[in-house]
PDB file of all heavy atoms in Angstrom:
ATOM      1  N   SER A   1      35.262  -7.465  31.492  1.00  0.00           N
ATOM      2  CA  SER A   1      34.479  -8.428  32.278  1.00  0.00           C
ATOM      3  C   SER A   1      32.975  -8.179  32.198  1.00  0.00           C
ATOM      4  O   SER A   1      32.187  -9.034  32.599  1.00  0.00           O
ATOM      5  CB  SER A   1      34.928  -8.411  33.738  1.00  0.00           C
ATOM      6  OG  SER A   1      34.730  -7.131  34.309  1.00  0.00           O
ATOM      7  N   ASP A   2      32.564  -7.049  31.678  1.00  0.00           N
ATOM      8  CA  ASP A   2      31.144  -6.718  31.568  1.00  0.00           C
ATOM      9  C   ASP A   2      30.775  -6.739  30.082  1.00  0.00           C
ATOM     10  O   ASP A   2      30.943  -5.748  29.372  1.00  0.00           O
ATOM     11  CB  ASP A   2      30.867  -5.344  32.176  1.00  0.00           C
ATOM     12  CG  ASP A   2      29.381  -5.072  32.317  1.00  0.00           C
ATOM     13  OD1 ASP A   2      28.569  -6.008  32.149  1.00  0.00           O
ATOM     14  OD2 ASP A   2      29.026  -3.913  32.596  1.00  0.00           O
ATOM     15  N   LEU A   3      30.289  -7.874  29.615  1.00  0.00           N
ATOM     16  CA  LEU A   3      30.142  -8.120  28.186  1.00  0.00           C
ATOM     17  C   LEU A   3      28.721  -7.926  27.679  1.00  0.00           C
ATOM     18  O   LEU A   3      27.752  -8.111  28.417  1.00  0.00           O
ATOM     19  CB  LEU A   3      30.572  -9.552  27.876  1.00  0.00           C
ATOM     20  CG  LEU A   3      31.963  -9.967  28.340  1.00  0.00           C
ATOM     21  CD1 LEU A   3      32.234 -11.408  27.955  1.00  0.00           C
ATOM     22  CD2 LEU A   3      33.023  -9.054  27.778  1.00  0.00           C
ATOM     23  N   ASP A   4      28.639  -7.612  26.398  1.00  0.00           N
ATOM     24  CA  ASP A   4      27.369  -7.612  25.670  1.00  0.00           C
ATOM     25  C   ASP A   4      27.216  -9.032  25.118  1.00  0.00           C
ATOM     26  O   ASP A   4      27.923  -9.403  24.186  1.00  0.00           O
ATOM     27  CB  ASP A   4      27.429  -6.587  24.542  1.00  0.00           C
ATOM     28  CG  ASP A   4      26.233  -6.668  23.600  1.00  0.00           C
ATOM     29  OD1 ASP A   4      25.348  -7.530  23.802  1.00  0.00           O
ATOM     30  OD2 ASP A   4      26.202  -5.874  22.646  1.00  0.00           O
ATOM     31  N   PRO A   5      26.307  -9.854  25.667  1.00  0.00           N
ATOM     32  CA  PRO A   5      26.232 -11.261  25.268  1.00  0.00           C
ATOM     33  C   PRO A   5      25.865 -11.494  23.795  1.00  0.00           C
ATOM     34  O   PRO A   5      26.120 -12.569  23.269  1.00  0.00           O
ATOM     35  CB  PRO A   5      25.171 -11.849  26.200  1.00  0.00           C
ATOM     36  CG  PRO A   5      24.437 -10.693  26.766  1.00  0.00           C
ATOM     37  CD  PRO A   5      25.332  -9.502  26.687  1.00  0.00           C
ATOM     38  N   ALA A   6      25.318 -10.499  23.125  1.00  0.00           N
ATOM     39  CA  ALA A   6      25.019 -10.659  21.705  1.00  0.00           C
ATOM     40  C   ALA A   6      26.281 -10.541  20.854  1.00  0.00           C
ATOM     41  O   ALA A   6      26.340 -11.057  19.749  1.00  0.00           O
ATOM     42  CB  ALA A   6      24.004  -9.612  21.260  1.00  0.00           C
ATOM     43  N   ARG A   7      27.290  -9.862  21.380  1.00  0.00           N
ATOM     44  CA  ARG A   7      28.518  -9.601  20.615  1.00  0.00           C
ATOM     45  C   ARG A   7      29.767 -10.241  21.207  1.00  0.00           C
ATOM     46  O   ARG A   7      30.749 -10.423  20.501  1.00  0.00           O
ATOM     47  CB  ARG A   7      28.768  -8.088  20.558  1.00  0.00           C
ATOM     48  CG  ARG A   7      27.854  -7.299  19.700  1.00  0.00           C
ATOM     49  CD  ARG A   7      28.374  -5.876  19.484  1.00  0.00           C
ATOM     50  NE  ARG A   7      29.756  -5.871  19.010  1.00  0.00           N
ATOM     51  CZ  ARG A   7      30.810  -5.482  19.751  1.00  0.00           C
ATOM     52  NH1 ARG A   7      30.657  -5.070  20.977  1.00  0.00           N
ATOM     53  NH2 ARG A   7      32.019  -5.497  19.239  1.00  0.00           N
ATOM     54  N   GLN A   8      29.781 -10.500  22.492  1.00  0.00           N
ATOM     55  CA  GLN A   8      31.011 -10.908  23.154  1.00  0.00           C
ATOM     56  C   GLN A   8      30.788 -12.118  24.047  1.00  0.00           C
ATOM     57  O   GLN A   8      29.694 -12.339  24.556  1.00  0.00           O
ATOM     58  CB  GLN A   8      31.546  -9.766  24.030  1.00  0.00           C
ATOM     59  CG  GLN A   8      31.784  -8.477  23.284  1.00  0.00           C
ATOM     60  CD  GLN A   8      31.926  -7.303  24.229  1.00  0.00           C
ATOM     61  OE1 GLN A   8      31.072  -7.053  25.066  1.00  0.00           O
ATOM     62  NE2 GLN A   8      33.034  -6.581  24.081  1.00  0.00           N
ATOM     63  N   ALA A   9      31.883 -12.848  24.249  1.00  0.00           N
ATOM     64  CA  ALA A   9      31.878 -13.950  25.211  1.00  0.00           C
ATOM     65  C   ALA A   9      33.300 -14.104  25.736  1.00  0.00           C
ATOM     66  O   ALA A   9      34.268 -13.806  25.029  1.00  0.00           O
ATOM     67  CB  ALA A   9      31.413 -15.247  24.556  1.00  0.00           C
ATOM     68  N   ALA A  10      33.404 -14.547  26.957  1.00  0.00           N
ATOM     69  CA  ALA A  10      34.727 -14.811  27.527  1.00  0.00           C
ATOM     70  C   ALA A  10      34.591 -15.911  28.572  1.00  0.00           C
ATOM     71  O   ALA A  10      33.604 -15.982  29.309  1.00  0.00           O
ATOM     72  CB  ALA A  10      35.322 -13.561  28.158  1.00  0.00           C
ATOM     73  N   LEU A  11      35.597 -16.757  28.589  1.00  0.00           N
ATOM     74  CA  LEU A  11      35.690 -17.824  29.579  1.00  0.00           C
ATOM     75  C   LEU A  11      36.929 -17.583  30.419  1.00  0.00           C
ATOM     76  O   LEU A  11      37.950 -17.117  29.908  1.00  0.00           O
ATOM     77  CB  LEU A  11      35.816 -19.182  28.882  1.00  0.00           C
ATOM     78  CG  LEU A  11      34.706 -19.545  27.906  1.00  0.00           C
ATOM     79  CD1 LEU A  11      35.060 -20.820  27.157  1.00  0.00           C
ATOM     80  CD2 LEU A  11      33.387 -19.701  28.645  1.00  0.00           C
ATOM     81  N   VAL A  12      36.823 -17.913  31.710  1.00  0.00           N
ATOM     82  CA  VAL A  12      37.983 -17.817  32.595  1.00  0.00           C
ATOM     83  C   VAL A  12      38.250 -19.182  33.203  1.00  0.00           C
ATOM     84  O   VAL A  12      37.322 -19.939  33.500  1.00  0.00           O
ATOM     85  CB  VAL A  12      37.789 -16.759  33.700  1.00  0.00           C
ATOM     86  CG1 VAL A  12      37.740 -15.357  33.109  1.00  0.00           C
ATOM     87  CG2 VAL A  12      36.550 -17.026  34.539  1.00  0.00           C
ATOM     88  N   ALA A  13      39.524 -19.478  33.351  1.00  0.00           N
ATOM     89  CA  ALA A  13      39.948 -20.673  34.098  1.00  0.00           C
ATOM     90  C   ALA A  13      40.443 -20.166  35.443  1.00  0.00           C
ATOM     91  O   ALA A  13      41.259 -19.237  35.498  1.00  0.00           O
ATOM     92  CB  ALA A  13      41.061 -21.411  33.359  1.00  0.00           C
ATOM     93  N   THR A  14      39.927 -20.755  36.507  1.00  0.00           N
ATOM     94  CA  THR A  14      40.264 -20.275  37.845  1.00  0.00           C
ATOM     95  C   THR A  14      40.804 -21.401  38.713  1.00  0.00           C
ATOM     96  O   THR A  14      40.549 -22.584  38.459  1.00  0.00           O
ATOM     97  CB  THR A  14      39.036 -19.657  38.550  1.00  0.00           C
ATOM     98  OG1 THR A  14      38.064 -20.684  38.797  1.00  0.00           O
ATOM     99  CG2 THR A  14      38.416 -18.542  37.720  1.00  0.00           C
ATOM    100  N   VAL A  15      41.540 -20.991  39.740  1.00  0.00           N
ATOM    101  CA  VAL A  15      42.027 -21.901  40.768  1.00  0.00           C
ATOM    102  C   VAL A  15      41.873 -21.209  42.114  1.00  0.00           C
ATOM    103  O   VAL A  15      41.694 -19.991  42.177  1.00  0.00           O
ATOM    104  CB  VAL A  15      43.519 -22.283  40.555  1.00  0.00           C
ATOM    105  CG1 VAL A  15      43.702 -23.055  39.253  1.00  0.00           C
ATOM    106  CG2 VAL A  15      44.418 -21.073  40.606  1.00  0.00           C
ATOM    107  N   GLU A  16      41.962 -21.982  43.166  1.00  0.00           N
ATOM    108  CA  GLU A  16      41.957 -21.433  44.517  1.00  0.00           C
ATOM    109  C   GLU A  16      43.410 -21.307  44.954  1.00  0.00           C
ATOM    110  O   GLU A  16      44.151 -22.297  44.945  1.00  0.00           O
ATOM    111  CB  GLU A  16      41.186 -22.370  45.452  1.00  0.00           C
ATOM    112  CG  GLU A  16      41.183 -21.941  46.883  1.00  0.00           C
ATOM    113  CD  GLU A  16      39.912 -21.215  47.273  1.00  0.00           C
ATOM    114  OE1 GLU A  16      38.977 -21.157  46.460  1.00  0.00           O
ATOM    115  OE2 GLU A  16      39.870 -20.723  48.399  1.00  0.00           O
ATOM    116  N   GLU A  17      43.821 -20.098  45.282  1.00  0.00           N
ATOM    117  CA  GLU A  17      45.176 -19.848  45.780  1.00  0.00           C
ATOM    118  C   GLU A  17      45.096 -18.907  46.969  1.00  0.00           C
ATOM    119  O   GLU A  17      44.432 -17.869  46.883  1.00  0.00           O
ATOM    120  CB  GLU A  17      46.059 -19.195  44.706  1.00  0.00           C
ATOM    121  CG  GLU A  17      46.428 -20.093  43.568  1.00  0.00           C
ATOM    122  CD  GLU A  17      47.279 -19.392  42.514  1.00  0.00           C
ATOM    123  OE1 GLU A  17      47.261 -18.145  42.420  1.00  0.00           O
ATOM    124  OE2 GLU A  17      47.961 -20.110  41.775  1.00  0.00           O
ATOM    125  N   GLU A  18      45.756 -19.275  48.035  1.00  0.00           N
ATOM    126  CA  GLU A  18      45.800 -18.436  49.234  1.00  0.00           C
ATOM    127  C   GLU A  18      44.401 -18.032  49.682  1.00  0.00           C
ATOM    128  O   GLU A  18      44.153 -16.904  50.092  1.00  0.00           O
ATOM    129  CB  GLU A  18      46.673 -17.201  48.982  1.00  0.00           C
ATOM    130  CG  GLU A  18      48.095 -17.562  48.604  1.00  0.00           C
ATOM    131  CD  GLU A  18      48.884 -16.372  48.052  1.00  0.00           C
ATOM    132  OE1 GLU A  18      48.350 -15.236  48.021  1.00  0.00           O
ATOM    133  OE2 GLU A  18      50.033 -16.596  47.652  1.00  0.00           O
ATOM    134  N   GLY A  19      43.467 -18.979  49.562  1.00  0.00           N
ATOM    135  CA  GLY A  19      42.100 -18.740  50.002  1.00  0.00           C
ATOM    136  C   GLY A  19      41.275 -17.858  49.083  1.00  0.00           C
ATOM    137  O   GLY A  19      40.177 -17.444  49.449  1.00  0.00           O
ATOM    138  N   GLU A  20      41.786 -17.556  47.874  1.00  0.00           N
ATOM    139  CA  GLU A  20      41.064 -16.702  46.938  1.00  0.00           C
ATOM    140  C   GLU A  20      40.964 -17.363  45.578  1.00  0.00           C
ATOM    141  O   GLU A  20      41.841 -18.122  45.183  1.00  0.00           O
ATOM    142  CB  GLU A  20      41.790 -15.368  46.761  1.00  0.00           C
ATOM    143  CG  GLU A  20      41.800 -14.504  47.994  1.00  0.00           C
ATOM    144  CD  GLU A  20      42.387 -13.134  47.704  1.00  0.00           C
ATOM    145  OE1 GLU A  20      42.146 -12.612  46.601  1.00  0.00           O
ATOM    146  OE2 GLU A  20      43.076 -12.614  48.584  1.00  0.00           O
ATOM    147  N   GLU A  21      39.878 -17.057  44.872  1.00  0.00           N
ATOM    148  CA  GLU A  21      39.742 -17.502  43.494  1.00  0.00           C
ATOM    149  C   GLU A  21      40.606 -16.598  42.621  1.00  0.00           C
ATOM    150  O   GLU A  21      40.497 -15.375  42.675  1.00  0.00           O
ATOM    151  CB  GLU A  21      38.279 -17.418  43.048  1.00  0.00           C
ATOM    152  CG  GLU A  21      38.062 -17.895  41.629  1.00  0.00           C
ATOM    153  CD  GLU A  21      36.640 -17.710  41.156  1.00  0.00           C
ATOM    154  OE1 GLU A  21      35.986 -16.714  41.548  1.00  0.00           O
ATOM    155  OE2 GLU A  21      36.176 -18.554  40.378  1.00  0.00           O
ATOM    156  N   ARG A  22      41.481 -17.208  41.829  1.00  0.00           N
ATOM    157  CA  ARG A  22      42.353 -16.448  40.928  1.00  0.00           C
ATOM    158  C   ARG A  22      42.158 -16.950  39.499  1.00  0.00           C
ATOM    159  O   ARG A  22      42.010 -18.148  39.266  1.00  0.00           O
ATOM    160  CB  ARG A  22      43.811 -16.614  41.302  1.00  0.00           C
ATOM    161  CG  ARG A  22      44.166 -16.057  42.655  1.00  0.00           C
ATOM    162  CD  ARG A  22      45.638 -15.770  42.744  1.00  0.00           C
ATOM    163  NE  ARG A  22      46.082 -15.560  44.106  1.00  0.00           N
ATOM    164  CZ  ARG A  22      45.949 -14.436  44.788  1.00  0.00           C
ATOM    165  NH1 ARG A  22      45.377 -13.410  44.239  1.00  0.00           N
ATOM    166  NH2 ARG A  22      46.398 -14.342  46.027  1.00  0.00           N
ATOM    167  N   ILE A  23      42.193 -16.035  38.561  1.00  0.00           N
ATOM    168  CA  ILE A  23      42.109 -16.393  37.146  1.00  0.00           C
ATOM    169  C   ILE A  23      43.503 -16.757  36.649  1.00  0.00           C
ATOM    170  O   ILE A  23      44.460 -16.025  36.890  1.00  0.00           O
ATOM    171  CB  ILE A  23      41.529 -15.229  36.317  1.00  0.00           C
ATOM    172  CG1 ILE A  23      40.080 -14.960  36.728  1.00  0.00           C
ATOM    173  CG2 ILE A  23      41.623 -15.528  34.824  1.00  0.00           C
ATOM    174  CD1 ILE A  23      39.456 -13.739  36.074  1.00  0.00           C
ATOM    175  N   VAL A  24      43.598 -17.906  35.958  1.00  0.00           N
ATOM    176  CA  VAL A  24      44.879 -18.335  35.387  1.00  0.00           C
ATOM    177  C   VAL A  24      44.849 -18.363  33.859  1.00  0.00           C
ATOM    178  O   VAL A  24      45.901 -18.525  33.227  1.00  0.00           O
ATOM    179  CB  VAL A  24      45.336 -19.695  35.951  1.00  0.00           C
ATOM    180  CG1 VAL A  24      45.601 -19.585  37.458  1.00  0.00           C
ATOM    181  CG2 VAL A  24      44.331 -20.799  35.651  1.00  0.00           C
ATOM    182  N   ALA A  25      43.674 -18.200  33.256  1.00  0.00           N
ATOM    183  CA  ALA A  25      43.571 -18.149  31.797  1.00  0.00           C
ATOM    184  C   ALA A  25      42.265 -17.466  31.418  1.00  0.00           C
ATOM    185  O   ALA A  25      41.268 -17.553  32.148  1.00  0.00           O
ATOM    186  CB  ALA A  25      43.630 -19.542  31.183  1.00  0.00           C
ATOM    187  N   VAL A  26      42.304 -16.805  30.261  1.00  0.00           N
ATOM    188  CA  VAL A  26      41.117 -16.155  29.701  1.00  0.00           C
ATOM    189  C   VAL A  26      41.080 -16.444  28.211  1.00  0.00           C
ATOM    190  O   VAL A  26      42.108 -16.361  27.535  1.00  0.00           O
ATOM    191  CB  VAL A  26      41.145 -14.619  29.905  1.00  0.00           C
ATOM    192  CG1 VAL A  26      39.887 -13.976  29.326  1.00  0.00           C
ATOM    193  CG2 VAL A  26      41.315 -14.249  31.365  1.00  0.00           C
ATOM    194  N   ALA A  27      39.905 -16.783  27.720  1.00  0.00           N
ATOM    195  CA  ALA A  27      39.673 -16.929  26.280  1.00  0.00           C
ATOM    196  C   ALA A  27      38.456 -16.068  25.955  1.00  0.00           C
ATOM    197  O   ALA A  27      37.434 -16.168  26.625  1.00  0.00           O
ATOM    198  CB  ALA A  27      39.412 -18.382  25.915  1.00  0.00           C
ATOM    199  N   ARG A  28      38.603 -15.215  24.952  1.00  0.00           N
ATOM    200  CA  ARG A  28      37.512 -14.294  24.659  1.00  0.00           C
ATOM    201  C   ARG A  28      37.303 -14.132  23.175  1.00  0.00           C
ATOM    202  O   ARG A  28      38.191 -14.428  22.378  1.00  0.00           O
ATOM    203  CB  ARG A  28      37.762 -12.937  25.297  1.00  0.00           C
ATOM    204  CG  ARG A  28      38.915 -12.159  24.753  1.00  0.00           C
ATOM    205  CD  ARG A  28      39.057 -10.763  25.376  1.00  0.00           C
ATOM    206  NE  ARG A  28      38.950 -10.734  26.812  1.00  0.00           N
ATOM    207  CZ  ARG A  28      37.857 -10.378  27.504  1.00  0.00           C
ATOM    208  NH1 ARG A  28      36.780  -9.983  26.884  1.00  0.00           N
ATOM    209  NH2 ARG A  28      37.848 -10.410  28.814  1.00  0.00           N
ATOM    210  N   LEU A  29      36.100 -13.664  22.832  1.00  0.00           N
ATOM    211  CA  LEU A  29      35.789 -13.331  21.448  1.00  0.00           C
ATOM    212  C   LEU A  29      34.877 -12.122  21.437  1.00  0.00           C
ATOM    213  O   LEU A  29      34.141 -11.863  22.382  1.00  0.00           O
ATOM    214  CB  LEU A  29      35.173 -14.514  20.695  1.00  0.00           C
ATOM    215  CG  LEU A  29      33.827 -15.077  21.157  1.00  0.00           C
ATOM    216  CD1 LEU A  29      32.655 -14.246  20.655  1.00  0.00           C
ATOM    217  CD2 LEU A  29      33.671 -16.502  20.675  1.00  0.00           C
ATOM    218  N   ALA A  30      34.971 -11.375  20.335  1.00  0.00           N
ATOM    219  CA  ALA A  30      34.102 -10.221  20.108  1.00  0.00           C
ATOM    220  C   ALA A  30      33.676 -10.249  18.648  1.00  0.00           C
ATOM    221  O   ALA A  30      34.512 -10.202  17.747  1.00  0.00           O
ATOM    222  CB  ALA A  30      34.830  -8.919  20.438  1.00  0.00           C
ATOM    223  N   ARG A  31      32.379 -10.341  18.438  1.00  0.00           N
ATOM    224  CA  ARG A  31      31.817 -10.420  17.086  1.00  0.00           C
ATOM    225  C   ARG A  31      32.139  -9.133  16.311  1.00  0.00           C
ATOM    226  O   ARG A  31      32.049  -8.026  16.838  1.00  0.00           O
ATOM    227  CB  ARG A  31      30.307 -10.603  17.173  1.00  0.00           C
ATOM    228  CG  ARG A  31      29.635 -10.869  15.844  1.00  0.00           C
ATOM    229  CD  ARG A  31      28.118 -10.885  15.954  1.00  0.00           C
ATOM    230  NE  ARG A  31      27.596 -11.830  16.903  1.00  0.00           N
ATOM    231  CZ  ARG A  31      27.278 -13.098  16.626  1.00  0.00           C
ATOM    232  NH1 ARG A  31      27.466 -13.577  15.417  1.00  0.00           N
ATOM    233  NH2 ARG A  31      26.781 -13.886  17.558  1.00  0.00           N
ATOM    234  N   SER A  32      32.494  -9.320  15.068  1.00  0.00           N
ATOM    235  CA  SER A  32      32.770  -8.192  14.179  1.00  0.00           C
ATOM    236  C   SER A  32      31.481  -7.442  13.885  1.00  0.00           C
ATOM    237  O   SER A  32      30.445  -8.063  13.635  1.00  0.00           O
ATOM    238  CB  SER A  32      33.384  -8.709  12.874  1.00  0.00           C
ATOM    239  OG  SER A  32      33.371  -7.712  11.882  1.00  0.00           O
ATOM    240  N   GLU A  33      31.545  -6.127  13.890  1.00  0.00           N
ATOM    241  CA  GLU A  33      30.358  -5.335  13.542  1.00  0.00           C
ATOM    242  C   GLU A  33      30.095  -5.388  12.046  1.00  0.00           C
ATOM    243  O   GLU A  33      28.951  -5.313  11.616  1.00  0.00           O
ATOM    244  CB  GLU A  33      30.532  -3.904  14.023  1.00  0.00           C
ATOM    245  CG  GLU A  33      30.514  -3.814  15.536  1.00  0.00           C
ATOM    246  CD  GLU A  33      30.586  -2.397  16.051  1.00  0.00           C
ATOM    247  OE1 GLU A  33      30.233  -1.466  15.300  1.00  0.00           O
ATOM    248  OE2 GLU A  33      30.991  -2.234  17.206  1.00  0.00           O
ATOM    249  N   GLU A  34      31.161  -5.540  11.233  1.00  0.00           N
ATOM    250  CA  GLU A  34      31.002  -5.580   9.787  1.00  0.00           C
ATOM    251  C   GLU A  34      30.512  -6.946   9.293  1.00  0.00           C
ATOM    252  O   GLU A  34      29.801  -7.030   8.302  1.00  0.00           O
ATOM    253  CB  GLU A  34      32.330  -5.253   9.080  1.00  0.00           C
ATOM    254  CG  GLU A  34      32.822  -3.835   9.288  1.00  0.00           C
ATOM    255  CD  GLU A  34      33.578  -3.675  10.595  1.00  0.00           C
ATOM    256  OE1 GLU A  34      34.250  -4.630  11.046  1.00  0.00           O
ATOM    257  OE2 GLU A  34      33.482  -2.592  11.182  1.00  0.00           O
ATOM    258  N   ASP A  35      30.952  -8.003   9.960  1.00  0.00           N
ATOM    259  CA  ASP A  35      30.612  -9.362   9.528  1.00  0.00           C
ATOM    260  C   ASP A  35      30.210 -10.183  10.744  1.00  0.00           C
ATOM    261  O   ASP A  35      31.056 -10.664  11.480  1.00  0.00           O
ATOM    262  CB  ASP A  35      31.808 -10.007   8.816  1.00  0.00           C
ATOM    263  CG  ASP A  35      31.505 -11.408   8.319  1.00  0.00           C
ATOM    264  OD1 ASP A  35      30.393 -11.921   8.576  1.00  0.00           O
ATOM    265  OD2 ASP A  35      32.385 -11.996   7.673  1.00  0.00           O
ATOM    266  N   PRO A  36      28.912 -10.359  10.994  1.00  0.00           N
ATOM    267  CA  PRO A  36      28.457 -11.053  12.203  1.00  0.00           C
ATOM    268  C   PRO A  36      28.870 -12.525  12.274  1.00  0.00           C
ATOM    269  O   PRO A  36      28.774 -13.148  13.324  1.00  0.00           O
ATOM    270  CB  PRO A  36      26.939 -10.918  12.173  1.00  0.00           C
ATOM    271  CG  PRO A  36      26.587 -10.273  10.902  1.00  0.00           C
ATOM    272  CD  PRO A  36      27.819  -9.839  10.201  1.00  0.00           C
TER     273      PRO A  36
END
């Protein structure tokens, strides 16, 4: 959850359940060090 924005990105899909924000999906990427 603590990303380096030059190398990584992640999106979360959230919903409200039982009065709390909950994540129901995650999509992420991490740039290759060998091939940017």
